[in-house]
Amino acid sequence: MAEFSELEIKTILQVNSNELASMREQGDIEFEQREHSYFYLLPEKQVEIATQLNEQLIDWHVIRHKFTLANKPLAPKTLLALNKLVYRVLLPINENIGKPKVTYGFTSFKLKNFIQKNSSSGTAPSLDQHSAYEVNSKGNQICSRGGAACDFYVEGVAASDIVRYIVNNLSFDRIYFYGNDRPVHVSFHLESLQHHLQVMGTSDSGRRYPASKAFGEDAKLLAEKL
């Protein structure tokens, strides 16, 4: 089971230091003290929600594509990256904004091939991180970036509000913002987090193109303009 630092658990549960200390004293949360630091396990309710979010990442394709094979992660790093995406990004959003509904999640090699053959418009498997650390038939990683990604929305919440929450409160790799009425694309990386916010524009012909972008603290400033 994943464990979390004090800062991470406060973000997920939306509690302050005094409230967290009270939870420790009352036995409302499992923790372990190592030297001068505490490390926490999530309460059972949050573990159940995390499991549901993980299932969304794997089964997102069921209502969109007539793909009958299992969308199964094979690379160990893929499993770890998907787990991090759930616990570090989606679960805090669920706790603090609303229930994420995944519209595009993990894409195995076989599912990637199916989509590229039948519905490839708007996809970029070599860049989008949806295949995480999975490899193709030649043993090469499908997406050179690695990490794990999903597109999602929260019903009744503007995409710009979701983006602002992520850049101001969470660790992330890349965010793509397509407009307030479109799902947000977010990724998490195991080795290096870019904290990159990319705003996408749409031409008169309907073609998407990269518009404004920013990294780190500048991403927070850009998010305020959305």
Protein backbone atom coordinates (compact mmCIF):
# COMPACT_ATOMS: atom_id res chain seq x y z
CA MET A 1 0.00 0.00 0.00
CA ALA A 2 1.29 3.46 -0.83
CA GLU A 3 2.55 5.67 1.98
CA PHE A 4 2.59 9.44 2.02
CA SER A 5 4.54 12.27 3.56
CA GLU A 6 2.82 14.76 5.85
CA LEU A 7 2.53 17.34 3.08
CA GLU A 8 1.04 14.79 0.66
CA ILE A 9 -1.50 13.41 3.13
CA LYS A 10 -2.63 16.92 4.10
CA THR A 11 -3.19 17.71 0.42
CA ILE A 12 -5.17 14.53 -0.19
CA LEU A 13 -7.34 14.77 2.93
CA GLN A 14 -7.55 18.59 2.94
CA VAL A 15 -6.58 18.93 6.59
CA ASN A 16 -4.11 21.22 8.36
CA SER A 17 -1.27 20.20 10.67
CA ASN A 18 -3.38 20.46 13.85
CA GLU A 19 -6.19 18.37 12.35
CA LEU A 20 -3.71 15.75 11.20
CA ALA A 21 -2.10 15.62 14.65
CA SER A 22 -5.57 15.09 16.14
CA MET A 23 -6.17 12.20 13.70
CA ARG A 24 -2.92 10.60 14.87
CA GLU A 25 -3.81 10.98 18.54
CA GLN A 26 -7.30 9.58 18.07
CA GLY A 27 -6.12 6.64 15.94
CA ASP A 28 -8.04 7.81 12.88
CA ILE A 29 -5.10 7.32 10.54
CA GLU A 30 -2.27 4.79 10.33
CA PHE A 31 1.22 6.26 10.49
CA GLU A 32 4.84 5.49 11.22
CA GLN A 33 7.37 7.87 12.73
CA ARG A 34 10.92 7.75 11.39
CA GLU A 35 13.31 10.05 13.21
CA HIS A 36 11.55 13.43 13.03
CA SER A 37 9.13 12.64 10.18
CA TYR A 38 5.73 10.95 9.92
CA PHE A 39 4.62 8.71 7.07
CA TYR A 40 0.96 7.84 6.57
CA LEU A 41 -1.34 5.22 5.07
CA LEU A 42 -4.66 6.30 3.61
CA PRO A 43 -7.93 5.58 5.43
CA GLU A 44 -9.92 2.68 3.95
CA LYS A 45 -12.46 4.97 2.25
CA GLN A 46 -9.75 6.71 0.24
CA VAL A 47 -8.16 3.37 -0.68
CA GLU A 48 -11.51 2.25 -2.13
CA ILE A 49 -11.82 5.45 -4.14
CA ALA A 50 -8.25 5.08 -5.40
CA THR A 51 -9.09 1.56 -6.57
CA GLN A 52 -12.09 2.88 -8.50
CA LEU A 53 -9.97 5.59 -10.11
CA ASN A 54 -7.38 3.02 -11.15
CA GLU A 55 -10.13 0.93 -12.75
CA GLN A 56 -11.21 4.00 -14.74
CA LEU A 57 -7.67 4.41 -16.04
CA ILE A 58 -7.67 0.83 -17.33
CA ASP A 59 -11.29 0.42 -18.49
CA TRP A 60 -11.90 3.88 -19.98
CA HIS A 61 -11.99 2.47 -23.53
CA VAL A 62 -14.94 0.12 -22.97
CA ILE A 63 -17.65 2.63 -23.90
CA ARG A 64 -15.63 4.27 -26.69
CA HIS A 65 -13.99 1.46 -28.65
CA LYS A 66 -15.02 -2.00 -29.79
CA PHE A 67 -11.81 -3.46 -28.42
CA THR A 68 -12.37 -6.93 -26.97
CA LEU A 69 -8.91 -7.73 -25.57
CA ALA A 70 -7.67 -6.88 -22.08
CA ASN A 71 -6.09 -3.44 -21.76
CA LYS A 72 -3.39 -4.82 -19.47
CA PRO A 73 -0.22 -3.00 -18.31
CA LEU A 74 2.82 -5.23 -18.77
CA ALA A 75 5.79 -3.06 -17.79
CA PRO A 76 6.41 -2.82 -14.00
CA LYS A 77 7.14 0.90 -14.32
CA THR A 78 3.75 1.39 -15.97
CA LEU A 79 1.99 -0.03 -12.92
CA LEU A 80 4.01 2.23 -10.64
CA ALA A 81 3.37 5.32 -12.78
CA LEU A 82 -0.37 4.66 -12.94
CA ASN A 83 -0.42 4.22 -9.18
CA LYS A 84 1.38 7.55 -8.73
CA LEU A 85 -1.04 9.26 -11.13
CA VAL A 86 -3.96 8.04 -9.02
CA TYR A 87 -2.56 8.87 -5.59
CA ARG A 88 -0.67 12.07 -6.37
CA VAL A 89 -3.16 13.67 -8.79
CA LEU A 90 -6.59 12.06 -9.19
CA LEU A 91 -7.27 11.23 -5.55
CA PRO A 92 -6.53 14.76 -4.28
CA ILE A 93 -8.80 16.11 -7.02
CA ASN A 94 -11.52 13.68 -5.95
CA GLU A 95 -11.19 14.81 -2.32
CA ASN A 96 -10.99 18.55 -2.95
CA ILE A 97 -12.85 19.32 -6.21
CA GLY A 98 -15.07 16.43 -7.27
CA LYS A 99 -15.07 12.98 -8.83
CA PRO A 100 -12.79 12.72 -11.88
CA LYS A 101 -14.32 11.02 -14.90
CA VAL A 102 -11.61 9.60 -17.14
CA THR A 103 -12.22 9.96 -20.88
CA TYR A 104 -8.83 8.70 -22.06
CA GLY A 105 -6.56 6.63 -19.86
CA PHE A 106 -3.92 3.94 -20.10
CA THR A 107 -3.37 2.56 -23.60
CA SER A 108 -1.65 -0.80 -23.97
CA PHE A 109 0.30 -1.70 -27.10
CA LYS A 110 -2.63 -3.69 -28.48
CA LEU A 111 -5.19 -1.00 -27.68
CA LYS A 112 -2.88 1.64 -29.16
CA ASN A 113 -2.71 -0.33 -32.41
CA PHE A 114 -6.49 -0.69 -32.47
CA ILE A 115 -7.02 3.06 -31.97
CA GLN A 116 -4.42 4.01 -34.57
CA LYS A 117 -6.16 1.76 -37.08
CA ASN A 118 -9.74 2.75 -36.31
CA SER A 119 -9.86 6.14 -34.60
CA SER A 120 -6.49 7.89 -34.65
CA SER A 121 -7.65 11.52 -35.05
CA GLY A 122 -6.18 13.77 -32.36
CA THR A 123 -3.88 11.09 -30.91
CA ALA A 124 -0.08 11.16 -30.60
CA PRO A 125 1.04 7.91 -28.93
CA SER A 126 4.74 8.72 -29.22
CA LEU A 127 4.23 11.86 -27.10
CA ASP A 128 1.00 11.68 -25.10
CA GLN A 129 2.21 9.37 -22.26
CA HIS A 130 -0.99 7.29 -22.36
CA SER A 131 1.07 4.15 -23.02
CA ALA A 132 3.33 4.93 -20.07
CA TYR A 133 6.38 2.63 -20.19
CA GLU A 134 4.90 -0.03 -22.47
CA VAL A 135 6.94 -1.18 -25.48
CA ASN A 136 6.05 -2.04 -29.07
CA SER A 137 6.71 -5.28 -30.96
CA LYS A 138 10.36 -4.27 -31.44
CA GLY A 139 10.90 -3.70 -27.75
CA ASN A 140 11.02 0.09 -28.04
CA GLN A 141 9.09 2.27 -25.62
CA ILE A 142 5.92 3.52 -27.34
CA CYS A 143 6.10 6.97 -25.77
CA SER A 144 9.63 8.27 -25.38
CA ARG A 145 8.58 10.46 -22.45
CA GLY A 146 7.47 7.65 -20.17
CA GLY A 147 5.29 8.62 -17.21
CA ALA A 148 1.54 8.01 -17.21
CA ALA A 149 -1.32 10.23 -18.36
CA CYS A 150 -5.07 10.58 -18.57
CA ASP A 151 -7.70 12.99 -19.84
CA PHE A 152 -10.54 13.67 -17.42
CA TYR A 153 -13.20 16.13 -16.33
CA VAL A 154 -15.17 16.84 -13.16
CA GLU A 155 -18.85 17.37 -13.77
CA GLY A 156 -19.90 20.96 -13.14
CA VAL A 157 -16.32 22.24 -12.75
CA ALA A 158 -14.58 24.36 -15.40
CA ALA A 159 -11.37 22.86 -16.75
CA SER A 160 -9.53 26.09 -15.90
CA ASP A 161 -10.43 25.66 -12.21
CA ILE A 162 -9.08 22.10 -12.31
CA VAL A 163 -5.85 23.28 -13.92
CA ARG A 164 -5.39 26.03 -11.32
CA TYR A 165 -5.90 23.54 -8.50
CA ILE A 166 -3.32 21.15 -9.93
CA VAL A 167 -0.58 23.70 -10.62
CA ASN A 168 -1.00 25.37 -7.23
CA ASN A 169 -1.30 22.27 -5.06
CA LEU A 170 -0.01 19.10 -6.71
CA SER A 171 3.06 17.58 -8.33
CA PHE A 172 2.61 16.82 -12.03
CA ASP A 173 4.57 16.38 -15.22
CA ARG A 174 2.50 17.92 -18.03
CA ILE A 175 -0.93 19.51 -18.34
CA TYR A 176 -2.66 20.25 -21.64
CA PHE A 177 -5.56 22.69 -21.47
CA TYR A 178 -7.95 22.55 -24.43
CA GLY A 179 -10.71 24.85 -23.16
CA ASN A 180 -13.18 25.05 -20.29
CA ASP A 181 -15.60 22.65 -21.96
CA ARG A 182 -12.96 20.01 -22.73
CA PRO A 183 -11.25 17.37 -20.54
CA VAL A 184 -7.89 18.21 -18.99
CA HIS A 185 -4.85 16.14 -19.96
CA VAL A 186 -2.48 15.53 -17.04
CA SER A 187 0.54 13.28 -16.56
CA PHE A 188 2.87 12.14 -13.79
CA HIS A 189 6.47 11.04 -14.27
CA LEU A 190 8.57 8.73 -12.10
CA GLU A 191 11.95 10.37 -12.65
CA SER A 192 11.48 14.05 -13.47
CA LEU A 193 8.42 16.27 -13.21
CA GLN A 194 8.39 19.08 -15.77
CA HIS A 195 5.53 21.07 -14.19
CA HIS A 196 4.70 22.08 -17.74
CA LEU A 197 1.38 23.76 -18.59
CA GLN A 198 0.55 23.84 -22.30
CA VAL A 199 -2.45 25.82 -23.53
CA MET A 200 -3.77 24.54 -26.84
CA GLY A 201 -5.48 26.77 -29.38
CA THR A 202 -7.91 25.86 -32.15
CA SER A 203 -7.64 27.25 -35.69
CA ASP A 204 -10.61 28.33 -37.82
CA SER A 205 -10.45 24.93 -39.50
CA GLY A 206 -10.72 23.17 -36.14
CA ARG A 207 -7.10 22.07 -36.00
CA ARG A 208 -5.41 22.19 -32.59
CA TYR A 209 -2.08 23.95 -32.18
CA PRO A 210 0.25 24.78 -29.24
CA ALA A 211 -0.36 28.29 -27.95
CA SER A 212 0.98 29.58 -24.61
CA LYS A 213 3.15 27.42 -22.37
CA ALA A 214 4.95 27.79 -19.06
CA PHE A 215 6.91 25.80 -16.49
CA GLY A 216 7.07 25.78 -12.69
CA GLU A 217 6.06 29.01 -11.01
CA ASP A 218 5.31 30.56 -14.40
CA ALA A 219 2.73 27.82 -14.96
CA LYS A 220 0.80 29.18 -11.97
CA LEU A 221 0.75 32.63 -13.55
CA LEU A 222 -0.40 31.24 -16.87
CA ALA A 223 -3.15 29.20 -15.18
CA GLU A 224 -4.56 32.39 -13.63
CA LYS A 225 -5.14 33.76 -17.14
CA LEU A 226 -7.23 30.81 -18.33
